[in-house]
PDB file of N, CA and C in Angstrom:
ATOM      1  N   MET A   1      -8.558   6.368 -16.300  1.00  0.00           N
ATOM      2  CA  MET A   1      -8.749   6.347 -15.107  1.00  0.00           C
ATOM      3  C   MET A   1      -9.380   5.141 -14.132  1.00  0.00           C
ATOM      4  N   VAL A   2      -9.928   4.549 -15.217  1.00  0.00           N
ATOM      5  CA  VAL A   2     -10.498   3.243 -14.575  1.00  0.00           C
ATOM      6  C   VAL A   2      -9.284   2.183 -14.394  1.00  0.00           C
ATOM      7  N   ALA A   3      -8.720   2.299 -15.473  1.00  0.00           N
ATOM      8  CA  ALA A   3      -7.486   1.360 -15.341  1.00  0.00           C
ATOM      9  C   ALA A   3      -6.656   1.393 -13.870  1.00  0.00           C
ATOM     10  N   THR A   4      -6.820   2.638 -13.438  1.00  0.00           N
ATOM     11  CA  THR A   4      -5.840   3.080 -12.273  1.00  0.00           C
ATOM     12  C   THR A   4      -6.533   2.442 -11.380  1.00  0.00           C
ATOM     13  N   ALA A   5      -7.714   3.150 -11.301  1.00  0.00           N
ATOM     14  CA  ALA A   5      -8.646   2.356 -10.448  1.00  0.00           C
ATOM     15  C   ALA A   5      -8.640   0.800 -10.001  1.00  0.00           C
ATOM     16  N   GLY A   6      -8.514   0.239 -11.151  1.00  0.00           N
ATOM     17  CA  GLY A   6      -8.727  -1.139 -10.840  1.00  0.00           C
ATOM     18  C   GLY A   6      -7.250  -1.615 -10.358  1.00  0.00           C
ATOM     19  N   VAL A   7      -6.080  -0.872 -10.528  1.00  0.00           N
ATOM     20  CA  VAL A   7      -5.239  -1.302 -10.029  1.00  0.00           C
ATOM     21  C   VAL A   7      -5.145  -0.965  -8.491  1.00  0.00           C
ATOM     22  N   ILE A   8      -5.523   0.272  -7.879  1.00  0.00           N
ATOM     23  CA  ILE A   8      -5.250   0.405  -6.512  1.00  0.00           C
ATOM     24  C   ILE A   8      -6.632   0.230  -5.837  1.00  0.00           C
ATOM     25  N   SER A   9      -7.355  -0.839  -6.353  1.00  0.00           N
ATOM     26  CA  SER A   9      -8.938  -0.761  -5.737  1.00  0.00           C
ATOM     27  C   SER A   9      -8.610  -2.231  -4.997  1.00  0.00           C
ATOM     28  N   GLY A  10      -9.242  -2.731  -4.081  1.00  0.00           N
ATOM     29  CA  GLY A  10      -9.048  -3.937  -3.560  1.00  0.00           C
ATOM     30  C   GLY A  10      -8.537  -3.847  -1.784  1.00  0.00           C
ATOM     31  N   LYS A  11      -9.089  -4.496  -1.512  1.00  0.00           N
ATOM     32  CA  LYS A  11      -8.737  -4.214   0.182  1.00  0.00           C
ATOM     33  C   LYS A  11      -7.501  -4.494   0.506  1.00  0.00           C
ATOM     34  N   TRP A  12      -6.501  -3.622   1.210  1.00  0.00           N
ATOM     35  CA  TRP A  12      -5.230  -3.342   1.891  1.00  0.00           C
ATOM     36  C   TRP A  12      -4.137  -3.107   0.327  1.00  0.00           C
ATOM     37  N   THR A  13      -4.714  -3.065  -0.689  1.00  0.00           N
ATOM     38  CA  THR A  13      -3.881  -2.587  -1.636  1.00  0.00           C
ATOM     39  C   THR A  13      -3.180  -1.218  -1.585  1.00  0.00           C
ATOM     40  N   LEU A  14      -3.760   0.002  -0.877  1.00  0.00           N
ATOM     41  CA  LEU A  14      -3.471   1.172  -0.780  1.00  0.00           C
ATOM     42  C   LEU A  14      -2.498   0.962   0.408  1.00  0.00           C
ATOM     43  N   LEU A  15      -2.636   0.536   1.599  1.00  0.00           N
ATOM     44  CA  LEU A  15      -1.807  -0.037   2.847  1.00  0.00           C
ATOM     45  C   LEU A  15      -0.438  -0.564   2.030  1.00  0.00           C
ATOM     46  N   LEU A  16      -0.730  -1.561   1.568  1.00  0.00           N
ATOM     47  CA  LEU A  16       0.578  -2.452   0.786  1.00  0.00           C
ATOM     48  C   LEU A  16       1.578  -1.074   0.080  1.00  0.00           C
ATOM     49  N   LEU A  17       0.665  -0.378  -0.928  1.00  0.00           N
ATOM     50  CA  LEU A  17       1.591   0.884  -1.159  1.00  0.00           C
ATOM     51  C   LEU A  17       2.376   1.691  -0.556  1.00  0.00           C
ATOM     52  N   ARG A  18       1.484   1.908   0.694  1.00  0.00           N
ATOM     53  CA  ARG A  18       2.115   2.927   1.546  1.00  0.00           C
ATOM     54  C   ARG A  18       3.456   2.321   2.135  1.00  0.00           C
ATOM     55  N   ASP A  19       2.937   1.222   2.749  1.00  0.00           N
ATOM     56  CA  ASP A  19       4.191   0.731   3.105  1.00  0.00           C
ATOM     57  C   ASP A  19       5.441   0.602   2.337  1.00  0.00           C
ATOM     58  N   LEU A  20       5.400   0.045   1.324  1.00  0.00           N
ATOM     59  CA  LEU A  20       6.316  -0.173   0.420  1.00  0.00           C
ATOM     60  C   LEU A  20       6.928   1.120  -0.123  1.00  0.00           C
ATOM     61  N   ALA A  21       6.147   2.505  -0.138  1.00  0.00           N
ATOM     62  CA  ALA A  21       6.798   3.769  -0.501  1.00  0.00           C
ATOM     63  C   ALA A  21       7.653   4.071   0.620  1.00  0.00           C
ATOM     64  N   GLU A  22       7.186   3.573   2.123  1.00  0.00           N
ATOM     65  CA  GLU A  22       7.924   4.113   2.951  1.00  0.00           C
ATOM     66  C   GLU A  22       9.410   3.428   3.391  1.00  0.00           C
ATOM     67  N   HIS A  23       9.346   2.441   2.834  1.00  0.00           N
ATOM     68  CA  HIS A  23      10.792   1.477   2.755  1.00  0.00           C
ATOM     69  C   HIS A  23      11.081   1.052   1.169  1.00  0.00           C
ATOM     70  N   ASN A  24      12.500   0.886   1.292  1.00  0.00           N
ATOM     71  CA  ASN A  24      12.780   0.827   0.160  1.00  0.00           C
ATOM     72  C   ASN A  24      12.679  -0.731  -0.181  1.00  0.00           C
ATOM     73  N   SER A  25      12.711  -1.593   0.471  1.00  0.00           N
ATOM     74  CA  SER A  25      12.352  -3.166   0.572  1.00  0.00           C
ATOM     75  C   SER A  25      11.737  -3.841   1.917  1.00  0.00           C
ATOM     76  N   CYS A  26      10.680  -4.483   1.646  1.00  0.00           N
ATOM     77  CA  CYS A  26       9.933  -4.984   2.737  1.00  0.00           C
ATOM     78  C   CYS A  26      10.015  -6.314   2.519  1.00  0.00           C
ATOM     79  N   ARG A  27      10.142  -7.313   3.456  1.00  0.00           N
ATOM     80  CA  ARG A  27      10.129  -8.888   3.558  1.00  0.00           C
ATOM     81  C   ARG A  27       8.246  -8.986   3.707  1.00  0.00           C
ATOM     82  N   PHE A  28       7.969 -10.230   3.541  1.00  0.00           N
ATOM     83  CA  PHE A  28       6.883 -10.432   3.814  1.00  0.00           C
ATOM     84  C   PHE A  28       6.439 -10.527   5.152  1.00  0.00           C
ATOM     85  N   SER A  29       7.049 -10.945   6.426  1.00  0.00           N
ATOM     86  CA  SER A  29       6.731 -10.899   7.746  1.00  0.00           C
ATOM     87  C   SER A  29       6.883  -9.427   8.087  1.00  0.00           C
ATOM     88  N   GLU A  30       7.298  -8.537   7.683  1.00  0.00           N
ATOM     89  CA  GLU A  30       7.477  -7.114   7.641  1.00  0.00           C
ATOM     90  C   GLU A  30       5.899  -6.389   7.396  1.00  0.00           C
ATOM     91  N   LEU A  31       5.754  -6.838   6.103  1.00  0.00           N
ATOM     92  CA  LEU A  31       4.588  -6.636   5.497  1.00  0.00           C
ATOM     93  C   LEU A  31       3.261  -7.158   6.310  1.00  0.00           C
ATOM     94  N   GLU A  32       3.374  -8.090   6.628  1.00  0.00           N
ATOM     95  CA  GLU A  32       2.226  -8.747   7.760  1.00  0.00           C
ATOM     96  C   GLU A  32       1.932  -8.099   9.210  1.00  0.00           C
ATOM     97  N   ARG A  33       3.536  -7.932   9.810  1.00  0.00           N
ATOM     98  CA  ARG A  33       3.202  -7.227  10.945  1.00  0.00           C
ATOM     99  C   ARG A  33       2.264  -6.001  10.657  1.00  0.00           C
ATOM    100  N   SER A  34       2.710  -5.273   9.657  1.00  0.00           N
ATOM    101  CA  SER A  34       2.478  -3.911   9.338  1.00  0.00           C
ATOM    102  C   SER A  34       1.058  -3.668   9.142  1.00  0.00           C
ATOM    103  N   LEU A  35       0.717  -4.716   8.398  1.00  0.00           N
ATOM    104  CA  LEU A  35      -0.805  -4.489   8.200  1.00  0.00           C
ATOM    105  C   LEU A  35      -1.710  -5.720   9.320  1.00  0.00           C
ATOM    106  N   ALA A  36      -1.563  -5.046  10.015  1.00  0.00           N
ATOM    107  CA  ALA A  36      -2.454  -6.076  11.436  1.00  0.00           C
ATOM    108  C   ALA A  36      -4.145  -6.426  11.031  1.00  0.00           C
ATOM    109  N   GLY A  37      -4.302  -7.716  10.768  1.00  0.00           N
ATOM    110  CA  GLY A  37      -5.399  -7.959  10.539  1.00  0.00           C
ATOM    111  C   GLY A  37      -5.068  -8.729   9.152  1.00  0.00           C
ATOM    112  N   ILE A  38      -4.690  -8.311   8.704  1.00  0.00           N
ATOM    113  CA  ILE A  38      -4.318  -9.230   7.126  1.00  0.00           C
ATOM    114  C   ILE A  38      -4.123 -10.608   7.326  1.00  0.00           C
ATOM    115  N   SER A  39      -4.810 -11.702   6.461  1.00  0.00           N
ATOM    116  CA  SER A  39      -4.174 -13.121   6.401  1.00  0.00           C
ATOM    117  C   SER A  39      -3.074 -13.422   5.779  1.00  0.00           C
ATOM    118  N   PRO A  40      -1.788 -14.285   5.938  1.00  0.00           N
ATOM    119  CA  PRO A  40      -0.939 -14.567   5.409  1.00  0.00           C
ATOM    120  C   PRO A  40      -1.209 -14.982   3.619  1.00  0.00           C
ATOM    121  N   ARG A  41      -2.652 -15.414   3.348  1.00  0.00           N
ATOM    122  CA  ARG A  41      -3.063 -15.763   2.381  1.00  0.00           C
ATOM    123  C   ARG A  41      -3.374 -14.908   1.314  1.00  0.00           C
ATOM    124  N   THR A  42      -4.302 -13.708   2.129  1.00  0.00           N
ATOM    125  CA  THR A  42      -4.884 -12.387   1.245  1.00  0.00           C
ATOM    126  C   THR A  42      -3.591 -11.370   1.357  1.00  0.00           C
ATOM    127  N   LEU A  43      -2.695 -11.474   2.048  1.00  0.00           N
ATOM    128  CA  LEU A  43      -1.122 -10.684   1.642  1.00  0.00           C
ATOM    129  C   LEU A  43      -0.665 -11.460   0.299  1.00  0.00           C
ATOM    130  N   SER A  44      -0.457 -12.508   0.340  1.00  0.00           N
ATOM    131  CA  SER A  44       0.054 -13.097  -0.554  1.00  0.00           C
ATOM    132  C   SER A  44      -0.615 -13.077  -2.116  1.00  0.00           C
ATOM    133  N   GLN A  45      -1.768 -13.253  -2.268  1.00  0.00           N
ATOM    134  CA  GLN A  45      -2.557 -12.829  -3.221  1.00  0.00           C
ATOM    135  C   GLN A  45      -2.580 -11.180  -3.604  1.00  0.00           C
ATOM    136  N   ARG A  46      -2.681 -10.522  -2.866  1.00  0.00           N
ATOM    137  CA  ARG A  46      -2.687  -8.900  -3.130  1.00  0.00           C
ATOM    138  C   ARG A  46      -1.110  -8.815  -3.792  1.00  0.00           C
ATOM    139  N   LEU A  47      -0.125  -9.611  -3.322  1.00  0.00           N
ATOM    140  CA  LEU A  47       1.452  -9.208  -3.922  1.00  0.00           C
ATOM    141  C   LEU A  47       1.445  -9.473  -5.207  1.00  0.00           C
ATOM    142  N   ARG A  48       0.696 -10.879  -4.923  1.00  0.00           N
ATOM    143  CA  ARG A  48       0.974 -11.633  -6.226  1.00  0.00           C
ATOM    144  C   ARG A  48       0.396 -10.686  -7.631  1.00  0.00           C
ATOM    145  N   VAL A  49      -0.671 -10.160  -7.466  1.00  0.00           N
ATOM    146  CA  VAL A  49      -1.370  -9.283  -8.413  1.00  0.00           C
ATOM    147  C   VAL A  49      -0.866  -8.319  -8.572  1.00  0.00           C
ATOM    148  N   LEU A  50      -0.218  -7.332  -7.730  1.00  0.00           N
ATOM    149  CA  LEU A  50       0.376  -6.406  -8.050  1.00  0.00           C
ATOM    150  C   LEU A  50       1.581  -6.508  -8.770  1.00  0.00           C
ATOM    151  N   GLU A  51       2.384  -7.804  -8.334  1.00  0.00           N
ATOM    152  CA  GLU A  51       3.202  -8.120  -9.690  1.00  0.00           C
ATOM    153  C   GLU A  51       3.087  -8.277 -10.676  1.00  0.00           C
ATOM    154  N   GLU A  52       2.310  -9.113 -10.875  1.00  0.00           N
ATOM    155  CA  GLU A  52       1.497  -9.077 -12.407  1.00  0.00           C
ATOM    156  C   GLU A  52       0.904  -8.186 -12.904  1.00  0.00           C
ATOM    157  N   GLN A  53       0.651  -7.053 -12.254  1.00  0.00           N
ATOM    158  CA  GLN A  53       0.488  -5.879 -12.652  1.00  0.00           C
ATOM    159  C   GLN A  53       1.854  -4.826 -12.977  1.00  0.00           C
ATOM    160  N   GLY A  54       2.460  -5.268 -12.837  1.00  0.00           N
ATOM    161  CA  GLY A  54       4.112  -4.588 -12.798  1.00  0.00           C
ATOM    162  C   GLY A  54       4.276  -3.598 -11.622  1.00  0.00           C
ATOM    163  N   VAL A  55       3.582  -3.573 -10.844  1.00  0.00           N
ATOM    164  CA  VAL A  55       3.640  -2.536  -9.290  1.00  0.00           C
ATOM    165  C   VAL A  55       4.395  -2.738  -8.574  1.00  0.00           C
ATOM    166  N   VAL A  56       5.130  -4.044  -8.317  1.00  0.00           N
ATOM    167  CA  VAL A  56       5.705  -4.821  -7.336  1.00  0.00           C
ATOM    168  C   VAL A  56       6.608  -5.503  -8.029  1.00  0.00           C
ATOM    169  N   GLU A  57       7.968  -5.797  -7.679  1.00  0.00           N
ATOM    170  CA  GLU A  57       8.728  -7.034  -7.620  1.00  0.00           C
ATOM    171  C   GLU A  57       9.340  -7.661  -6.757  1.00  0.00           C
ATOM    172  N   ARG A  58       9.444  -8.593  -6.837  1.00  0.00           N
ATOM    173  CA  ARG A  58       9.745  -9.499  -5.646  1.00  0.00           C
ATOM    174  C   ARG A  58      11.149 -10.211  -6.117  1.00  0.00           C
ATOM    175  N   ARG A  59      11.771 -10.219  -4.734  1.00  0.00           N
ATOM    176  CA  ARG A  59      13.329 -10.700  -4.709  1.00  0.00           C
ATOM    177  C   ARG A  59      13.172 -11.593  -3.648  1.00  0.00           C
ATOM    178  N   GLU A  60      13.793 -12.965  -4.150  1.00  0.00           N
ATOM    179  CA  GLU A  60      13.869 -13.946  -3.294  1.00  0.00           C
ATOM    180  C   GLU A  60      15.453 -14.154  -2.796  1.00  0.00           C
ATOM    181  N   TYR A  61      15.851 -13.933  -1.311  1.00  0.00           N
ATOM    182  CA  TYR A  61      16.927 -14.051  -0.647  1.00  0.00           C
ATOM    183  C   TYR A  61      17.122 -15.400  -1.063  1.00  0.00           C
ATOM    184  N   THR A  62      18.706 -15.853  -0.544  1.00  0.00           N
ATOM    185  CA  THR A  62      19.261 -16.955  -1.037  1.00  0.00           C
ATOM    186  C   THR A  62      19.406 -17.601   0.392  1.00  0.00           C
ATOM    187  N   GLU A  63      18.480 -17.296   1.419  1.00  0.00           N
ATOM    188  CA  GLU A  63      18.481 -18.110   2.907  1.00  0.00           C
ATOM    189  C   GLU A  63      17.388 -19.426   2.732  1.00  0.00           C
ATOM    190  N   LEU A  64      18.026 -19.837   3.729  1.00  0.00           N
ATOM    191  CA  LEU A  64      16.908 -20.779   4.088  1.00  0.00           C
ATOM    192  C   LEU A  64      16.422 -20.566   5.425  1.00  0.00           C
ATOM    193  N   PRO A  65      15.187 -20.838   5.779  1.00  0.00           N
ATOM    194  CA  PRO A  65      13.759 -20.817   4.561  1.00  0.00           C
ATOM    195  C   PRO A  65      14.024 -19.700   4.056  1.00  0.00           C
ATOM    196  N   ARG A  66      13.387 -20.209   2.556  1.00  0.00           N
ATOM    197  CA  ARG A  66      13.266 -18.799   1.874  1.00  0.00           C
ATOM    198  C   ARG A  66      12.444 -17.781   2.133  1.00  0.00           C
ATOM    199  N   ARG A  67      13.003 -16.778   2.052  1.00  0.00           N
ATOM    200  CA  ARG A  67      12.645 -15.205   2.326  1.00  0.00           C
ATOM    201  C   ARG A  67      12.520 -14.546   1.087  1.00  0.00           C
ATOM    202  N   PHE A  68      11.571 -13.656   0.552  1.00  0.00           N
ATOM    203  CA  PHE A  68      11.273 -12.617  -0.211  1.00  0.00           C
ATOM    204  C   PHE A  68      11.220 -11.180   0.547  1.00  0.00           C
ATOM    205  N   GLY A  69      11.732 -10.541  -0.524  1.00  0.00           N
ATOM    206  CA  GLY A  69      11.636  -9.079  -0.264  1.00  0.00           C
ATOM    207  C   GLY A  69      10.726  -8.314  -1.470  1.00  0.00           C
ATOM    208  N   TYR A  70       9.982  -7.390  -0.932  1.00  0.00           N
ATOM    209  CA  TYR A  70       9.040  -6.924  -2.181  1.00  0.00           C
ATOM    210  C   TYR A  70       9.245  -5.150  -2.198  1.00  0.00           C
ATOM    211  N   ARG A  71       9.356  -4.934  -3.459  1.00  0.00           N
ATOM    212  CA  ARG A  71       9.721  -3.214  -3.766  1.00  0.00           C
ATOM    213  C   ARG A  71       8.888  -2.639  -4.789  1.00  0.00           C
ATOM    214  N   LEU A  72       8.513  -1.636  -4.843  1.00  0.00           N
ATOM    215  CA  LEU A  72       7.908  -0.979  -5.965  1.00  0.00           C
ATOM    216  C   LEU A  72       8.829  -0.769  -7.204  1.00  0.00           C
ATOM    217  N   THR A  73       8.387  -1.133  -8.289  1.00  0.00           N
ATOM    218  CA  THR A  73       8.969  -0.515  -9.572  1.00  0.00           C
ATOM    219  C   THR A  73       8.839   0.497  -9.936  1.00  0.00           C
ATOM    220  N   ASP A  74       9.159   1.001 -10.764  1.00  0.00           N
ATOM    221  CA  ASP A  74       9.167   2.510 -11.474  1.00  0.00           C
ATOM    222  C   ASP A  74       7.501   2.909 -11.536  1.00  0.00           C
ATOM    223  N   LYS A  75       6.863   1.783 -12.203  1.00  0.00           N
ATOM    224  CA  LYS A  75       5.209   1.910 -12.683  1.00  0.00           C
ATOM    225  C   LYS A  75       4.508   2.024 -11.134  1.00  0.00           C
ATOM    226  N   GLY A  76       5.099   1.274  -9.984  1.00  0.00           N
ATOM    227  CA  GLY A  76       4.556   1.377  -8.722  1.00  0.00           C
ATOM    228  C   GLY A  76       4.693   2.392  -7.840  1.00  0.00           C
ATOM    229  N   ARG A  77       6.042   3.302  -7.867  1.00  0.00           N
ATOM    230  CA  ARG A  77       6.255   4.508  -7.824  1.00  0.00           C
ATOM    231  C   ARG A  77       5.514   5.925  -8.132  1.00  0.00           C
ATOM    232  N   ASP A  78       5.128   5.682  -9.354  1.00  0.00           N
ATOM    233  CA  ASP A  78       4.414   6.565  -9.889  1.00  0.00           C
ATOM    234  C   ASP A  78       2.848   6.807  -9.435  1.00  0.00           C
ATOM    235  N   LEU A  79       2.607   5.646  -8.401  1.00  0.00           N
ATOM    236  CA  LEU A  79       1.357   5.263  -7.991  1.00  0.00           C
ATOM    237  C   LEU A  79       1.132   6.294  -6.618  1.00  0.00           C
ATOM    238  N   VAL A  80       2.358   6.682  -5.894  1.00  0.00           N
ATOM    239  CA  VAL A  80       2.769   6.979  -4.615  1.00  0.00           C
ATOM    240  C   VAL A  80       2.299   8.563  -4.497  1.00  0.00           C
ATOM    241  N   PRO A  81       2.119   9.566  -5.597  1.00  0.00           N
ATOM    242  CA  PRO A  81       1.583  10.636  -5.272  1.00  0.00           C
ATOM    243  C   PRO A  81      -0.038  10.352  -5.147  1.00  0.00           C
ATOM    244  N   ILE A  82      -0.553   9.541  -5.912  1.00  0.00           N
ATOM    245  CA  ILE A  82      -2.100   8.961  -5.647  1.00  0.00           C
ATOM    246  C   ILE A  82      -2.403   8.643  -4.349  1.00  0.00           C
ATOM    247  N   VAL A  83      -1.558   7.796  -3.799  1.00  0.00           N
ATOM    248  CA  VAL A  83      -1.540   7.256  -2.413  1.00  0.00           C
ATOM    249  C   VAL A  83      -1.543   8.462  -1.286  1.00  0.00           C
ATOM    250  N   GLU A  84      -0.859   9.215  -1.669  1.00  0.00           N
ATOM    251  CA  GLU A  84      -0.478  10.668  -0.843  1.00  0.00           C
ATOM    252  C   GLU A  84      -1.569  11.578  -0.773  1.00  0.00           C
ATOM    253  N   ALA A  85      -2.037  11.819  -1.960  1.00  0.00           N
ATOM    254  CA  ALA A  85      -3.307  12.545  -2.147  1.00  0.00           C
ATOM    255  C   ALA A  85      -4.511  11.980  -1.305  1.00  0.00           C
ATOM    256  N   MET A  86      -4.823  10.604  -1.321  1.00  0.00           N
ATOM    257  CA  MET A  86      -5.795   9.757  -1.255  1.00  0.00           C
ATOM    258  C   MET A  86      -5.753  10.167   0.709  1.00  0.00           C
ATOM    259  N   ARG A  87      -4.553  10.315   0.967  1.00  0.00           N
ATOM    260  CA  ARG A  87      -4.217  10.204   2.498  1.00  0.00           C
ATOM    261  C   ARG A  87      -4.441  11.751   3.024  1.00  0.00           C
ATOM    262  N   ALA A  88      -4.384  12.339   2.439  1.00  0.00           N
ATOM    263  CA  ALA A  88      -4.485  14.183   2.815  1.00  0.00           C
ATOM    264  C   ALA A  88      -5.896  14.442   2.415  1.00  0.00           C
ATOM    265  N   TYR A  89      -6.590  13.771   1.419  1.00  0.00           N
ATOM    266  CA  TYR A  89      -7.716  14.165   1.305  1.00  0.00           C
ATOM    267  C   TYR A  89      -8.677  13.738   2.594  1.00  0.00           C
ATOM    268  N   GLY A  90      -8.397  11.998   2.778  1.00  0.00           N
ATOM    269  CA  GLY A  90      -8.963  11.259   3.868  1.00  0.00           C
ATOM    270  C   GLY A  90      -8.794  12.065   5.336  1.00  0.00           C
ATOM    271  N   THR A  91      -7.573  12.474   5.384  1.00  0.00           N
ATOM    272  CA  THR A  91      -7.115  13.338   6.783  1.00  0.00           C
ATOM    273  C   THR A  91      -8.202  14.899   6.899  1.00  0.00           C
ATOM    274  N   ARG A  92      -8.210  15.630   5.730  1.00  0.00           N
ATOM    275  CA  ARG A  92      -8.823  16.752   5.335  1.00  0.00           C
ATOM    276  C   ARG A  92     -10.237  16.674   5.579  1.00  0.00           C
ATOM    277  N   TRP A  93     -10.564  15.622   5.051  1.00  0.00           N
ATOM    278  CA  TRP A  93     -12.393  15.473   4.986  1.00  0.00           C
ATOM    279  C   TRP A  93     -12.938  14.280   5.753  1.00  0.00           C
ATOM    280  N   MET A  94     -12.126  13.011   6.157  1.00  0.00           N
ATOM    281  CA  MET A  94     -12.954  12.720   7.137  1.00  0.00           C
ATOM    282  C   MET A  94     -12.307  12.421   8.703  1.00  0.00           C
ATOM    283  N   GLY A  95     -11.257  13.503   8.913  1.00  0.00           N
ATOM    284  CA  GLY A  95     -10.842  13.162  10.213  1.00  0.00           C
ATOM    285  C   GLY A  95     -10.022  12.088  10.445  1.00  0.00           C
ATOM    286  N   PRO A  96      -8.954  12.527  11.520  1.00  0.00           N
ATOM    287  CA  PRO A  96      -7.861  11.484  11.565  1.00  0.00           C
ATOM    288  C   PRO A  96      -8.490  10.082  12.287  1.00  0.00           C
ATOM    289  N   VAL A  97      -9.459  10.203  12.872  1.00  0.00           N
ATOM    290  CA  VAL A  97      -9.663   9.216  13.837  1.00  0.00           C
ATOM    291  C   VAL A  97     -11.161   8.641  13.779  1.00  0.00           C
ATOM    292  N   ASN A  98     -12.289   9.701  13.982  1.00  0.00           N
ATOM    293  CA  ASN A  98     -13.543   8.987  13.420  1.00  0.00           C
ATOM    294  C   ASN A  98     -14.252   8.950  12.363  1.00  0.00           C
ATOM    295  N   GLY A  99     -13.848   9.264  11.428  1.00  0.00           N
ATOM    296  CA  GLY A  99     -14.393   9.225  10.093  1.00  0.00           C
ATOM    297  C   GLY A  99     -15.373  10.339   9.730  1.00  0.00           C
ATOM    298  N   THR A 100     -15.646  11.219  10.655  1.00  0.00           N
ATOM    299  CA  THR A 100     -16.553  12.265  10.201  1.00  0.00           C
ATOM    300  C   THR A 100     -15.665  13.630   9.378  1.00  0.00           C
ATOM    301  N   ALA A 101     -16.612  13.898   8.499  1.00  0.00           N
ATOM    302  CA  ALA A 101     -16.193  15.078   7.430  1.00  0.00           C
ATOM    303  C   ALA A 101     -15.864  16.105   7.974  1.00  0.00           C
ATOM    304  N   ARG A 102     -15.131  16.921   7.775  1.00  0.00           N
ATOM    305  CA  ARG A 102     -14.981  18.531   8.757  1.00  0.00           C
ATOM    306  C   ARG A 102     -14.823  19.210   7.392  1.00  0.00           C
ATOM    307  N   ALA A 103     -15.507  20.486   7.422  1.00  0.00           N
ATOM    308  CA  ALA A 103     -15.284  21.464   6.782  1.00  0.00           C
ATOM    309  C   ALA A 103     -13.720  22.185   6.644  1.00  0.00           C
ATOM    310  N   PRO A 104     -13.474  22.584   5.799  1.00  0.00           N
ATOM    311  CA  PRO A 104     -12.157  22.917   5.919  1.00  0.00           C
ATOM    312  C   PRO A 104     -11.676  24.206   7.157  1.00  0.00           C
ATOM    313  N   SER A 105     -12.800  25.119   7.263  1.00  0.00           N
ATOM    314  CA  SER A 105     -12.674  26.126   8.394  1.00  0.00           C
ATOM    315  C   SER A 105     -12.329  25.280   9.475  1.00  0.00           C
ATOM    316  N   GLN A 106     -12.706  23.867   9.685  1.00  0.00           N
ATOM    317  CA  GLN A 106     -12.656  23.348  10.796  1.00  0.00           C
ATOM    318  C   GLN A 106     -11.326  22.792  11.237  1.00  0.00           C
ATOM    319  N   LEU A 107     -10.530  22.750  10.149  1.00  0.00           N
ATOM    320  CA  LEU A 107      -9.445  22.272  10.012  1.00  0.00           C
ATOM    321  C   LEU A 107      -8.086  23.030  10.614  1.00  0.00           C
ATOM    322  N   PRO A 108      -7.090  21.996  11.634  1.00  0.00           N
ATOM    323  CA  PRO A 108      -6.213  22.670  12.252  1.00  0.00           C
ATOM    324  C   PRO A 108      -5.574  23.364  11.404  1.00  0.00           C
ATOM    325  N   GLY A 109      -4.463  24.497  12.055  1.00  0.00           N
ATOM    326  CA  GLY A 109      -3.698  25.361  11.092  1.00  0.00           C
ATOM    327  C   GLY A 109      -4.307  26.140  10.037  1.00  0.00           C
TER     328      GLY A 109
END
């Protein structure tokens, strides 16, 4: 459990995993646009760490200027259910916008 927490911890990591899970492959600029507020340096560092951990793989395109695409590895795809469970938990208990906890009886549907 601690090792898994180490992989998904860190600001932006869960959002990166979410975006990569929703798309087969994302270019750096697409991730940067999707994650409003992340600096290019931070995005690069997070992707590098995830690549070193075997969660993300990087593909270089043969274009100029050099461009890179990123996608989840099998190891990364195995994290998707954890990310989805955390999203469901947050929606259920933290509310969609204001972050206040709600009891199950207060949930819609």
